[in-house]
Structure formats: structure tokens, C-alpha cells
């Protein structure tokens, strides 16, 4: 496996971030793009969107994109994606995982 250093994107404007989300949405051919899909196809890390816009939903709202999955899309969501979303929400709420036996 070849190691490739990621480009450091300090100083990227909000407009550039939003343009990249639009680019990915256009490539995927849909008006809804999940945070997970963006992570797979986008140029920037998800954390920068949370810092700049407060939430992924705010990013989608600002671009006029759909903020909810439809029934067909929900059926495509893997258990791993549900767990990642829950962990992300937990982190945003500053909650720690609790072990329950």
C-alpha cells in the first residue's frame, strides 16, 4: 500500500466547502447526501463542517438539499453507519459510552 500525504487545507472558505458538497451531490446524482457519503467522496474532513456550520443538517439547508432520507434510502443504511451516526451524536452532546452488562 502506497502512503499518500493528504493536502493540508488551512484557510479554505465556507464557499469552497459548500461547493465541494455540491460537487459530490452532483456526482452521486441525488439531492440528498449523507455525511458518510460525503466522507467517502469529498475533499474535506467532516469535522470542519461541524465547526463552521454547527451540524451536517445546516450544511444541507444552506445548499437547499434534502435533510432527511426517504424510506428507500433508509433501507440502504448499514448497521455500521447507524453506529457511526450514534457515536457522532454522542460526541456532539459530549456523552461517553457506558458499558451495560
C-alpha atoms as a PDB file:
ATOM      1  CA  UNK A   1       0.000   0.000   0.000  1.00  0.00           C
ATOM      2  CA  UNK A   2       1.392   3.348  -1.009  1.00  0.00           C
ATOM      3  CA  UNK A   3       1.241   6.194   1.505  1.00  0.00           C
ATOM      4  CA  UNK A   4      -0.026   9.479   0.089  1.00  0.00           C
ATOM      5  CA  UNK A   5       0.093  12.625   2.184  1.00  0.00           C
ATOM      6  CA  UNK A   6      -3.219  14.476   2.220  1.00  0.00           C
ATOM      7  CA  UNK A   7      -3.227  18.083   1.137  1.00  0.00           C
ATOM      8  CA  UNK A   8      -3.414  20.478   4.096  1.00  0.00           C
ATOM      9  CA  UNK A   9      -6.389  22.745   3.508  1.00  0.00           C
ATOM     10  CA  UNK A  10      -5.912  25.553   6.000  1.00  0.00           C
ATOM     11  CA  UNK A  11      -7.784  28.703   5.115  1.00  0.00           C
ATOM     12  CA  UNK A  12     -10.493  27.079   2.994  1.00  0.00           C
ATOM     13  CA  UNK A  13     -13.513  29.365   2.773  1.00  0.00           C
ATOM     14  CA  UNK A  14     -17.045  28.337   3.658  1.00  0.00           C
ATOM     15  CA  UNK A  15     -17.944  28.806  -0.008  1.00  0.00           C
ATOM     16  CA  UNK A  16     -15.262  26.305  -1.068  1.00  0.00           C
ATOM     17  CA  UNK A  17     -16.547  23.787   1.478  1.00  0.00           C
ATOM     18  CA  UNK A  18     -20.118  24.162   0.257  1.00  0.00           C
ATOM     19  CA  UNK A  19     -19.032  23.933  -3.387  1.00  0.00           C
ATOM     20  CA  UNK A  20     -17.355  20.611  -2.675  1.00  0.00           C
ATOM     21  CA  UNK A  21     -20.534  19.245  -1.080  1.00  0.00           C
ATOM     22  CA  UNK A  22     -22.478  20.348  -4.194  1.00  0.00           C
ATOM     23  CA  UNK A  23     -19.851  18.691  -6.401  1.00  0.00           C
ATOM     24  CA  UNK A  24     -20.222  15.388  -4.553  1.00  0.00           C
ATOM     25  CA  UNK A  25     -24.036  15.623  -4.633  1.00  0.00           C
ATOM     26  CA  UNK A  26     -23.893  16.187  -8.409  1.00  0.00           C
ATOM     27  CA  UNK A  27     -21.548  13.244  -8.907  1.00  0.00           C
ATOM     28  CA  UNK A  28     -23.866  10.978  -6.928  1.00  0.00           C
ATOM     29  CA  UNK A  29     -26.849  12.270  -8.874  1.00  0.00           C
ATOM     30  CA  UNK A  30     -29.085  12.935  -5.912  1.00  0.00           C
ATOM     31  CA  UNK A  31     -30.231  15.969  -3.934  1.00  0.00           C
ATOM     32  CA  UNK A  32     -29.563  14.185  -0.620  1.00  0.00           C
ATOM     33  CA  UNK A  33     -26.072  13.452   0.554  1.00  0.00           C
ATOM     34  CA  UNK A  34     -25.296  11.935   3.921  1.00  0.00           C
ATOM     35  CA  UNK A  35     -22.282  12.836   5.997  1.00  0.00           C
ATOM     36  CA  UNK A  36     -20.981   9.299   5.402  1.00  0.00           C
ATOM     37  CA  UNK A  37     -21.314   9.626   1.622  1.00  0.00           C
ATOM     38  CA  UNK A  38     -19.532  12.947   1.690  1.00  0.00           C
ATOM     39  CA  UNK A  39     -16.734  11.415   3.761  1.00  0.00           C
ATOM     40  CA  UNK A  40     -16.219   8.769   1.047  1.00  0.00           C
ATOM     41  CA  UNK A  41     -16.223  11.192  -1.908  1.00  0.00           C
ATOM     42  CA  UNK A  42     -15.433  14.669  -0.575  1.00  0.00           C
ATOM     43  CA  UNK A  43     -12.174  16.587  -0.282  1.00  0.00           C
ATOM     44  CA  UNK A  44     -12.561  17.832   3.293  1.00  0.00           C
ATOM     45  CA  UNK A  45     -12.982  16.223   6.697  1.00  0.00           C
ATOM     46  CA  UNK A  46     -16.368  16.173   8.365  1.00  0.00           C
ATOM     47  CA  UNK A  47     -15.124  17.990  11.461  1.00  0.00           C
ATOM     48  CA  UNK A  48     -14.587  21.239   9.575  1.00  0.00           C
ATOM     49  CA  UNK A  49     -18.270  21.270   8.566  1.00  0.00           C
ATOM     50  CA  UNK A  50     -19.361  20.781  12.168  1.00  0.00           C
ATOM     51  CA  UNK A  51     -17.075  23.577  13.363  1.00  0.00           C
ATOM     52  CA  UNK A  52     -18.094  26.017  10.642  1.00  0.00           C
ATOM     53  CA  UNK A  53     -21.798  25.250  10.258  1.00  0.00           C
ATOM     54  CA  UNK A  54     -22.762  23.581  13.553  1.00  0.00           C
ATOM     55  CA  UNK A  55     -24.201  20.420  12.002  1.00  0.00           C
ATOM     56  CA  UNK A  56     -24.407  18.500   8.753  1.00  0.00           C
ATOM     57  CA  UNK A  57     -28.099  19.397   8.520  1.00  0.00           C
ATOM     58  CA  UNK A  58     -27.143  23.088   8.491  1.00  0.00           C
ATOM     59  CA  UNK A  59     -24.808  22.416   5.548  1.00  0.00           C
ATOM     60  CA  UNK A  60     -27.612  20.710   3.638  1.00  0.00           C
ATOM     61  CA  UNK A  61     -30.084  23.501   4.483  1.00  0.00           C
ATOM     62  CA  UNK A  62     -27.668  26.169   3.287  1.00  0.00           C
ATOM     63  CA  UNK A  63     -27.342  24.366  -0.047  1.00  0.00           C
ATOM     64  CA  UNK A  64     -31.073  23.728  -0.393  1.00  0.00           C
ATOM     65  CA  UNK A  65     -30.542  19.965  -0.280  1.00  0.00           C
ATOM     66  CA  UNK A  66     -32.843  17.442   1.337  1.00  0.00           C
ATOM     67  CA  UNK A  67     -32.098  16.932   5.040  1.00  0.00           C
ATOM     68  CA  UNK A  68     -33.829  13.588   5.557  1.00  0.00           C
ATOM     69  CA  UNK A  69     -33.508  10.201   3.937  1.00  0.00           C
ATOM     70  CA  UNK A  70     -36.562   8.791   2.242  1.00  0.00           C
ATOM     71  CA  UNK A  71     -37.835   5.277   3.019  1.00  0.00           C
ATOM     72  CA  UNK A  72     -35.874   3.668   0.182  1.00  0.00           C
ATOM     73  CA  UNK A  73     -32.627   5.323   1.309  1.00  0.00           C
ATOM     74  CA  UNK A  74     -33.160   4.259   4.923  1.00  0.00           C
ATOM     75  CA  UNK A  75     -33.236   0.653   3.784  1.00  0.00           C
ATOM     76  CA  UNK A  76     -29.716   1.101   2.346  1.00  0.00           C
ATOM     77  CA  UNK A  77     -28.199   2.308   5.634  1.00  0.00           C
ATOM     78  CA  UNK A  78     -25.889  -0.269   7.154  1.00  0.00           C
ATOM     79  CA  UNK A  79     -25.735  -1.060  10.856  1.00  0.00           C
ATOM     80  CA  UNK A  80     -22.187   0.325  10.830  1.00  0.00           C
ATOM     81  CA  UNK A  81     -23.456   3.670   9.509  1.00  0.00           C
ATOM     82  CA  UNK A  82     -26.141   3.788  12.219  1.00  0.00           C
ATOM     83  CA  UNK A  83     -23.483   3.137  14.870  1.00  0.00           C
ATOM     84  CA  UNK A  84     -21.176   5.808  13.409  1.00  0.00           C
ATOM     85  CA  UNK A  85     -24.043   8.313  13.424  1.00  0.00           C
ATOM     86  CA  UNK A  86     -24.888   7.490  17.033  1.00  0.00           C
ATOM     87  CA  UNK A  87     -21.255   7.873  18.058  1.00  0.00           C
ATOM     88  CA  UNK A  88     -21.085  11.196  16.235  1.00  0.00           C
ATOM     89  CA  UNK A  89     -24.198  12.467  18.024  1.00  0.00           C
ATOM     90  CA  UNK A  90     -22.843  11.232  21.341  1.00  0.00           C
ATOM     91  CA  UNK A  91     -19.607  13.123  20.721  1.00  0.00           C
ATOM     92  CA  UNK A  92     -21.514  16.296  19.793  1.00  0.00           C
ATOM     93  CA  UNK A  93     -23.520  16.005  23.005  1.00  0.00           C
ATOM     94  CA  UNK A  94     -20.339  15.271  24.992  1.00  0.00           C
ATOM     95  CA  UNK A  95     -21.708  11.956  26.202  1.00  0.00           C
ATOM     96  CA  UNK A  96     -19.477   8.987  26.928  1.00  0.00           C
ATOM     97  CA  UNK A  97     -20.261   5.405  26.057  1.00  0.00           C
ATOM     98  CA  UNK A  98     -21.492   3.408  29.027  1.00  0.00           C
ATOM     99  CA  UNK A  99     -20.952  -0.307  29.307  1.00  0.00           C
ATOM    100  CA  UNK A 100     -24.087  -2.158  30.193  1.00  0.00           C
ATOM    101  CA  UNK A 101     -23.982  -5.799  31.056  1.00  0.00           C
END
